[in-house]
Amino acid sequence: MAEQEYDKYLQYSRTKLMNHLTAFALHRLLVQQKCQFRVTSNVVELGNMEQNRQKRAR
């Protein structure tokens, strides 16, 4: 098997995409199961939150 160059940015973006897709799949499952409890499935990008917090601190 040939070695491939590891692209950390490509892996990071794929991981973020999988997190989003997992949250959407969880939401769809909860809707299909007609969950009796009030449950939400959220996707949060912490990088944006950190930047916003830094701006408010100035």
PDB file of N, CA and C in Angstrom:
ATOM      1  N   MET A   1       0.842  -1.177   0.000  1.00  0.00           N
ATOM      2  CA  MET A   1       0.000   0.000   0.000  1.00  0.00           C
ATOM      3  C   MET A   1       0.887   1.240   0.000  1.00  0.00           C
ATOM      4  N   ALA A   2       0.641   2.131  -0.919  1.00  0.00           N
ATOM      5  CA  ALA A   2       1.445   3.348  -1.029  1.00  0.00           C
ATOM      6  C   ALA A   2       1.053   4.342   0.058  1.00  0.00           C
ATOM      7  N   GLU A   3       2.055   5.031   0.588  1.00  0.00           N
ATOM      8  CA  GLU A   3       1.768   6.055   1.593  1.00  0.00           C
ATOM      9  C   GLU A   3       1.151   7.264   0.920  1.00  0.00           C
ATOM     10  N   GLN A   4       0.136   7.814   1.559  1.00  0.00           N
ATOM     11  CA  GLN A   4      -0.493   9.022   1.049  1.00  0.00           C
ATOM     12  C   GLN A   4      -0.161  10.171   1.988  1.00  0.00           C
ATOM     13  N   GLU A   5      -0.099  11.361   1.414  1.00  0.00           N
ATOM     14  CA  GLU A   5       0.167  12.535   2.233  1.00  0.00           C
ATOM     15  C   GLU A   5      -1.063  12.841   3.081  1.00  0.00           C
ATOM     16  N   TYR A   6      -0.860  13.089   4.350  1.00  0.00           N
ATOM     17  CA  TYR A   6      -1.958  13.399   5.269  1.00  0.00           C
ATOM     18  C   TYR A   6      -2.261  14.888   5.185  1.00  0.00           C
ATOM     19  N   ASP A   7      -3.490  15.215   4.897  1.00  0.00           N
ATOM     20  CA  ASP A   7      -3.911  16.609   4.808  1.00  0.00           C
ATOM     21  C   ASP A   7      -4.785  16.920   6.021  1.00  0.00           C
ATOM     22  N   LYS A   8      -4.220  17.626   6.977  1.00  0.00           N
ATOM     23  CA  LYS A   8      -4.953  17.873   8.220  1.00  0.00           C
ATOM     24  C   LYS A   8      -6.194  18.732   7.998  1.00  0.00           C
ATOM     25  N   TYR A   9      -6.170  19.635   7.037  1.00  0.00           N
ATOM     26  CA  TYR A   9      -7.338  20.479   6.776  1.00  0.00           C
ATOM     27  C   TYR A   9      -8.460  19.687   6.110  1.00  0.00           C
ATOM     28  N   LEU A  10      -8.098  18.783   5.238  1.00  0.00           N
ATOM     29  CA  LEU A  10      -9.098  17.922   4.615  1.00  0.00           C
ATOM     30  C   LEU A  10      -9.741  17.025   5.671  1.00  0.00           C
ATOM     31  N   GLN A  11      -8.927  16.454   6.544  1.00  0.00           N
ATOM     32  CA  GLN A  11      -9.465  15.604   7.607  1.00  0.00           C
ATOM     33  C   GLN A  11     -10.349  16.402   8.555  1.00  0.00           C
ATOM     34  N   TYR A  12      -9.945  17.619   8.885  1.00  0.00           N
ATOM     35  CA  TYR A  12     -10.735  18.485   9.763  1.00  0.00           C
ATOM     36  C   TYR A  12     -12.100  18.770   9.142  1.00  0.00           C
ATOM     37  N   SER A  13     -12.125  19.104   7.858  1.00  0.00           N
ATOM     38  CA  SER A  13     -13.398  19.407   7.204  1.00  0.00           C
ATOM     39  C   SER A  13     -14.277  18.164   7.094  1.00  0.00           C
ATOM     40  N   ARG A  14     -13.685  17.015   6.865  1.00  0.00           N
ATOM     41  CA  ARG A  14     -14.468  15.772   6.809  1.00  0.00           C
ATOM     42  C   ARG A  14     -15.065  15.443   8.178  1.00  0.00           C
ATOM     43  N   THR A  15     -14.304  15.685   9.226  1.00  0.00           N
ATOM     44  CA  THR A  15     -14.794  15.431  10.574  1.00  0.00           C
ATOM     45  C   THR A  15     -15.955  16.358  10.907  1.00  0.00           C
ATOM     46  N   LYS A  16     -15.834  17.644  10.532  1.00  0.00           N
ATOM     47  CA  LYS A  16     -16.933  18.586  10.764  1.00  0.00           C
ATOM     48  C   LYS A  16     -18.175  18.154   9.999  1.00  0.00           C
ATOM     49  N   LEU A  17     -17.994  17.711   8.772  1.00  0.00           N
ATOM     50  CA  LEU A  17     -19.122  17.257   7.965  1.00  0.00           C
ATOM     51  C   LEU A  17     -19.799  16.059   8.622  1.00  0.00           C
ATOM     52  N   MET A  18     -19.010  15.108   9.111  1.00  0.00           N
ATOM     53  CA  MET A  18     -19.591  13.931   9.765  1.00  0.00           C
ATOM     54  C   MET A  18     -20.355  14.316  11.030  1.00  0.00           C
ATOM     55  N   ASN A  19     -19.860  15.293  11.769  1.00  0.00           N
ATOM     56  CA  ASN A  19     -20.580  15.758  12.953  1.00  0.00           C
ATOM     57  C   ASN A  19     -21.935  16.340  12.568  1.00  0.00           C
ATOM     58  N   HIS A  20     -21.971  17.124  11.497  1.00  0.00           N
ATOM     59  CA  HIS A  20     -23.230  17.695  11.021  1.00  0.00           C
ATOM     60  C   HIS A  20     -24.184  16.592  10.563  1.00  0.00           C
ATOM     61  N   LEU A  21     -23.677  15.668   9.781  1.00  0.00           N
ATOM     62  CA  LEU A  21     -24.527  14.595   9.268  1.00  0.00           C
ATOM     63  C   LEU A  21     -25.073  13.719  10.394  1.00  0.00           C
ATOM     64  N   THR A  22     -24.264  13.494  11.425  1.00  0.00           N
ATOM     65  CA  THR A  22     -24.720  12.709  12.570  1.00  0.00           C
ATOM     66  C   THR A  22     -25.845  13.425  13.303  1.00  0.00           C
ATOM     67  N   ALA A  23     -25.721  14.731  13.484  1.00  0.00           N
ATOM     68  CA  ALA A  23     -26.780  15.496  14.149  1.00  0.00           C
ATOM     69  C   ALA A  23     -28.063  15.473  13.332  1.00  0.00           C
ATOM     70  N   PHE A  24     -27.957  15.617  12.013  1.00  0.00           N
ATOM     71  CA  PHE A  24     -29.144  15.574  11.156  1.00  0.00           C
ATOM     72  C   PHE A  24     -29.795  14.190  11.192  1.00  0.00           C
ATOM     73  N   ALA A  25     -28.982  13.147  11.192  1.00  0.00           N
ATOM     74  CA  ALA A  25     -29.519  11.783  11.254  1.00  0.00           C
ATOM     75  C   ALA A  25     -30.214  11.537  12.592  1.00  0.00           C
ATOM     76  N   LEU A  26     -29.637  12.042  13.673  1.00  0.00           N
ATOM     77  CA  LEU A  26     -30.263  11.903  14.984  1.00  0.00           C
ATOM     78  C   LEU A  26     -31.608  12.624  15.013  1.00  0.00           C
ATOM     79  N   HIS A  27     -31.652  13.828  14.455  1.00  0.00           N
ATOM     80  CA  HIS A  27     -32.912  14.574  14.391  1.00  0.00           C
ATOM     81  C   HIS A  27     -33.967  13.791  13.611  1.00  0.00           C
ATOM     82  N   ARG A  28     -33.576  13.280  12.461  1.00  0.00           N
ATOM     83  CA  ARG A  28     -34.511  12.512  11.627  1.00  0.00           C
ATOM     84  C   ARG A  28     -35.020  11.277  12.378  1.00  0.00           C
ATOM     85  N   LEU A  29     -34.137  10.598  13.087  1.00  0.00           N
ATOM     86  CA  LEU A  29     -34.525   9.420  13.860  1.00  0.00           C
ATOM     87  C   LEU A  29     -35.513   9.785  14.969  1.00  0.00           C
ATOM     88  N   LEU A  30     -35.254  10.873  15.665  1.00  0.00           N
ATOM     89  CA  LEU A  30     -36.154  11.303  16.735  1.00  0.00           C
ATOM     90  C   LEU A  30     -37.534  11.654  16.189  1.00  0.00           C
ATOM     91  N   VAL A  31     -37.582  12.292  15.027  1.00  0.00           N
ATOM     92  CA  VAL A  31     -38.865  12.641  14.412  1.00  0.00           C
ATOM     93  C   VAL A  31     -39.601  11.378  13.986  1.00  0.00           C
ATOM     94  N   GLN A  32     -38.901  10.445  13.379  1.00  0.00           N
ATOM     95  CA  GLN A  32     -39.529   9.206  12.916  1.00  0.00           C
ATOM     96  C   GLN A  32     -40.060   8.373  14.080  1.00  0.00           C
ATOM     97  N   GLN A  33     -39.343   8.371  15.188  1.00  0.00           N
ATOM     98  CA  GLN A  33     -39.744   7.580  16.351  1.00  0.00           C
ATOM     99  C   GLN A  33     -40.821   8.279  17.176  1.00  0.00           C
ATOM    100  N   LYS A  34     -41.157   9.513  16.795  1.00  0.00           N
ATOM    101  CA  LYS A  34     -42.142  10.319  17.533  1.00  0.00           C
ATOM    102  C   LYS A  34     -41.805  10.314  19.026  1.00  0.00           C
ATOM    103  N   CYS A  35     -40.599  10.752  19.293  1.00  0.00           N
ATOM    104  CA  CYS A  35     -40.067  10.777  20.656  1.00  0.00           C
ATOM    105  C   CYS A  35     -41.029  11.509  21.596  1.00  0.00           C
ATOM    106  N   GLN A  36     -41.301  10.917  22.760  1.00  0.00           N
ATOM    107  CA  GLN A  36     -42.241  11.491  23.728  1.00  0.00           C
ATOM    108  C   GLN A  36     -41.635  12.668  24.486  1.00  0.00           C
ATOM    109  N   PHE A  37     -40.344  12.769  24.480  1.00  0.00           N
ATOM    110  CA  PHE A  37     -39.667  13.824  25.221  1.00  0.00           C
ATOM    111  C   PHE A  37     -39.277  14.953  24.276  1.00  0.00           C
ATOM    112  N   ARG A  38     -39.143  16.138  24.824  1.00  0.00           N
ATOM    113  CA  ARG A  38     -38.711  17.272  24.015  1.00  0.00           C
ATOM    114  C   ARG A  38     -37.177  17.222  23.924  1.00  0.00           C
ATOM    115  N   VAL A  39     -36.700  16.733  22.813  1.00  0.00           N
ATOM    116  CA  VAL A  39     -35.270  16.548  22.600  1.00  0.00           C
ATOM    117  C   VAL A  39     -34.876  17.316  21.349  1.00  0.00           C
ATOM    118  N   THR A  40     -33.749  17.989  21.399  1.00  0.00           N
ATOM    119  CA  THR A  40     -33.238  18.667  20.216  1.00  0.00           C
ATOM    120  C   THR A  40     -31.868  18.113  19.874  1.00  0.00           C
ATOM    121  N   SER A  41     -31.551  18.174  18.616  1.00  0.00           N
ATOM    122  CA  SER A  41     -30.235  17.777  18.130  1.00  0.00           C
ATOM    123  C   SER A  41     -29.593  19.024  17.537  1.00  0.00           C
ATOM    124  N   ASN A  42     -28.486  19.456  18.113  1.00  0.00           N
ATOM    125  CA  ASN A  42     -27.858  20.713  17.703  1.00  0.00           C
ATOM    126  C   ASN A  42     -26.454  20.483  17.176  1.00  0.00           C
ATOM    127  N   VAL A  43     -26.062  21.348  16.257  1.00  0.00           N
ATOM    128  CA  VAL A  43     -24.693  21.365  15.751  1.00  0.00           C
ATOM    129  C   VAL A  43     -24.103  22.714  16.137  1.00  0.00           C
ATOM    130  N   VAL A  44     -22.993  22.691  16.846  1.00  0.00           N
ATOM    131  CA  VAL A  44     -22.359  23.922  17.302  1.00  0.00           C
ATOM    132  C   VAL A  44     -20.915  23.915  16.835  1.00  0.00           C
ATOM    133  N   GLU A  45     -20.507  25.008  16.230  1.00  0.00           N
ATOM    134  CA  GLU A  45     -19.120  25.147  15.807  1.00  0.00           C
ATOM    135  C   GLU A  45     -18.410  26.025  16.825  1.00  0.00           C
ATOM    136  N   LEU A  46     -17.578  25.420  17.635  1.00  0.00           N
ATOM    137  CA  LEU A  46     -16.945  26.130  18.738  1.00  0.00           C
ATOM    138  C   LEU A  46     -15.984  27.213  18.273  1.00  0.00           C
ATOM    139  N   GLY A  47     -15.403  27.059  17.115  1.00  0.00           N
ATOM    140  CA  GLY A  47     -14.486  28.073  16.611  1.00  0.00           C
ATOM    141  C   GLY A  47     -15.161  29.418  16.474  1.00  0.00           C
ATOM    142  N   ASN A  48     -16.371  29.425  15.952  1.00  0.00           N
ATOM    143  CA  ASN A  48     -17.109  30.675  15.815  1.00  0.00           C
ATOM    144  C   ASN A  48     -17.477  31.248  17.173  1.00  0.00           C
ATOM    145  N   MET A  49     -17.823  30.404  18.111  1.00  0.00           N
ATOM    146  CA  MET A  49     -18.181  30.876  19.446  1.00  0.00           C
ATOM    147  C   MET A  49     -16.977  31.521  20.116  1.00  0.00           C
ATOM    148  N   GLU A  50     -15.813  30.928  19.963  1.00  0.00           N
ATOM    149  CA  GLU A  50     -14.600  31.469  20.572  1.00  0.00           C
ATOM    150  C   GLU A  50     -14.296  32.845  19.997  1.00  0.00           C
ATOM    151  N   GLN A  51     -14.437  33.014  18.693  1.00  0.00           N
ATOM    152  CA  GLN A  51     -14.174  34.305  18.066  1.00  0.00           C
ATOM    153  C   GLN A  51     -15.146  35.357  18.568  1.00  0.00           C
ATOM    154  N   ASN A  52     -16.419  35.009  18.683  1.00  0.00           N
ATOM    155  CA  ASN A  52     -17.405  35.965  19.169  1.00  0.00           C
ATOM    156  C   ASN A  52     -17.116  36.375  20.608  1.00  0.00           C
ATOM    157  N   ARG A  53     -16.695  35.428  21.424  1.00  0.00           N
ATOM    158  CA  ARG A  53     -16.385  35.733  22.818  1.00  0.00           C
ATOM    159  C   ARG A  53     -15.173  36.655  22.895  1.00  0.00           C
ATOM    160  N   GLN A  54     -14.195  36.438  22.034  1.00  0.00           N
ATOM    161  CA  GLN A  54     -13.011  37.283  22.024  1.00  0.00           C
ATOM    162  C   GLN A  54     -13.366  38.703  21.612  1.00  0.00           C
ATOM    163  N   LYS A  55     -14.279  38.852  20.660  1.00  0.00           N
ATOM    164  CA  LYS A  55     -14.682  40.189  20.213  1.00  0.00           C
ATOM    165  C   LYS A  55     -15.375  40.946  21.341  1.00  0.00           C
ATOM    166  N   ARG A  56     -16.223  40.261  22.113  1.00  0.00           N
ATOM    167  CA  ARG A  56     -16.941  40.914  23.211  1.00  0.00           C
ATOM    168  C   ARG A  56     -15.996  41.314  24.336  1.00  0.00           C
ATOM    169  N   ALA A  57     -14.894  40.606  24.490  1.00  0.00           N
ATOM    170  CA  ALA A  57     -13.960  40.892  25.578  1.00  0.00           C
ATOM    171  C   ALA A  57     -13.149  42.157  25.319  1.00  0.00           C
ATOM    172  N   ARG A  58     -13.096  42.592  24.098  1.00  0.00           N
ATOM    173  CA  ARG A  58     -12.279  43.780  23.764  1.00  0.00           C
ATOM    174  C   ARG A  58     -12.938  45.058  24.179  1.00  0.00           C
TER     175      ARG A  58
END
